C-alpha atoms as a PDB file:
ATOM      1  CA  MET A   1      94.208 106.047  78.499  1.00  0.00           C
ATOM      2  CA  ARG A   2      91.231 108.332  80.017  1.00  0.00           C
ATOM      3  CA  VAL A   3      89.005 107.798  83.016  1.00  0.00           C
ATOM      4  CA  ILE A   4      85.412 108.198  82.514  1.00  0.00           C
ATOM      5  CA  VAL A   5      82.992 108.566  85.589  1.00  0.00           C
ATOM      6  CA  ASN A   6      79.126 108.189  85.166  1.00  0.00           C
ATOM      7  CA  TRP A   7      78.319 110.468  88.191  1.00  0.00           C
ATOM      8  CA  ASP A   8      74.452 109.541  88.066  1.00  0.00           C
ATOM      9  CA  LEU A   9      75.735 105.944  88.829  1.00  0.00           C
ATOM     10  CA  CYS A  10      78.598 106.883  91.347  1.00  0.00           C
ATOM     11  CA  GLU A  11      77.954 106.260  94.830  1.00  0.00           C
ATOM     12  CA  SER A  12      81.470 107.051  96.320  1.00  0.00           C
ATOM     13  CA  ASN A  13      81.724 103.372  97.456  1.00  0.00           C
ATOM     14  CA  ALA A  14      85.524 103.989  97.614  1.00  0.00           C
ATOM     15  CA  LEU A  15      86.382 100.621  96.083  1.00  0.00           C
ATOM     16  CA  CYS A  16      87.863 102.476  93.048  1.00  0.00           C
ATOM     17  CA  GLU A  17      90.139 104.413  95.540  1.00  0.00           C
ATOM     18  CA  ALA A  18      91.298 101.261  97.131  1.00  0.00           C
ATOM     19  CA  ALA A  19      92.315  99.854  93.776  1.00  0.00           C
ATOM     20  CA  ALA A  20      94.161 103.099  92.301  1.00  0.00           C
ATOM     21  CA  PRO A  21      94.664 105.492  95.178  1.00  0.00           C
ATOM     22  CA  ASN A  22      97.140 107.724  92.754  1.00  0.00           C
ATOM     23  CA  VAL A  23      93.979 108.266  90.682  1.00  0.00           C
ATOM     24  CA  PHE A  24      90.846 108.366  93.078  1.00  0.00           C
ATOM     25  CA  THR A  25      89.956 109.701  96.466  1.00  0.00           C
ATOM     26  CA  VAL A  26      86.712 109.951  98.214  1.00  0.00           C
ATOM     27  CA  GLY A  27      86.539 112.703 100.506  1.00  0.00           C
ATOM     28  CA  ASP A  28      85.115 113.377 104.171  1.00  0.00           C
ATOM     29  CA  ASP A  29      82.159 114.585 102.261  1.00  0.00           C
ATOM     30  CA  ASP A  30      81.786 111.348 100.367  1.00  0.00           C
ATOM     31  CA  GLN A  31      82.210 112.789  97.071  1.00  0.00           C
ATOM     32  CA  LEU A  32      85.014 110.947  94.509  1.00  0.00           C
ATOM     33  CA  THR A  33      87.443 113.095  92.995  1.00  0.00           C
ATOM     34  CA  VAL A  34      89.440 111.824  90.217  1.00  0.00           C
ATOM     35  CA  HIS A  35      92.974 113.304  90.355  1.00  0.00           C
ATOM     36  CA  GLU A  36      93.989 112.441  86.793  1.00  0.00           C
ATOM     37  CA  ASP A  37      91.616 112.215  83.834  1.00  0.00           C
ATOM     38  CA  GLU A  38      94.446 111.081  81.434  1.00  0.00           C
ATOM     39  CA  VAL A  39      96.675 108.394  83.121  1.00  0.00           C
ATOM     40  CA  ASP A  40      99.587 106.664  81.550  1.00  0.00           C
ATOM     41  CA  SER A  41     100.539 102.854  81.250  1.00  0.00           C
ATOM     42  CA  THR A  42     102.133 102.603  84.585  1.00  0.00           C
ATOM     43  CA  GLU A  43      98.468 102.926  86.240  1.00  0.00           C
ATOM     44  CA  LEU A  44      96.669 100.702  83.683  1.00  0.00           C
ATOM     45  CA  SER A  45      96.517  97.570  86.102  1.00  0.00           C
ATOM     46  CA  ALA A  46      95.261  99.593  88.990  1.00  0.00           C
ATOM     47  CA  LEU A  47      92.756 101.281  86.821  1.00  0.00           C
ATOM     48  CA  GLU A  48      91.626  98.011  85.426  1.00  0.00           C
ATOM     49  CA  SER A  49      90.984  96.638  88.973  1.00  0.00           C
ATOM     50  CA  ALA A  50      89.224 100.094  90.023  1.00  0.00           C
ATOM     51  CA  VAL A  51      86.686  99.699  87.091  1.00  0.00           C
ATOM     52  CA  SER A  52      85.930  95.913  87.645  1.00  0.00           C
ATOM     53  CA  SER A  53      85.620  96.629  91.313  1.00  0.00           C
ATOM     54  CA  CYS A  54      82.874  99.431  90.776  1.00  0.00           C
ATOM     55  CA  PRO A  55      79.893  97.843  92.260  1.00  0.00           C
ATOM     56  CA  LYS A  56      77.666 100.286  90.317  1.00  0.00           C
ATOM     57  CA  GLN A  57      79.893  99.961  87.031  1.00  0.00           C
ATOM     58  CA  ALA A  58      80.065 103.768  86.948  1.00  0.00           C
ATOM     59  CA  LEU A  59      83.870 103.557  85.552  1.00  0.00           C
ATOM     60  CA  ARG A  60      85.205 102.999  82.210  1.00  0.00           C
ATOM     61  CA  LEU A  61      88.147 103.606  80.441  1.00  0.00           C
ATOM     62  CA  THR A  62      88.990 105.086  77.040  1.00  0.00           C
ATOM     63  CA  GLU A  63      91.936 105.464  74.859  1.00  0.00           C
END
């Protein structure tokens, strides 16, 4: 799976970080960092939670 971020929509609310901390981090500068663009199936549940929790719908998953 691949994580896609729409940077125009992302407000770095950190809800994705709460759901998938191995993949997302919001730094002290309030900028989102995606640690892994390509993730394996072990992170799938956490990523689906991150995508669904994003208030701006700035995240999506693709194959």
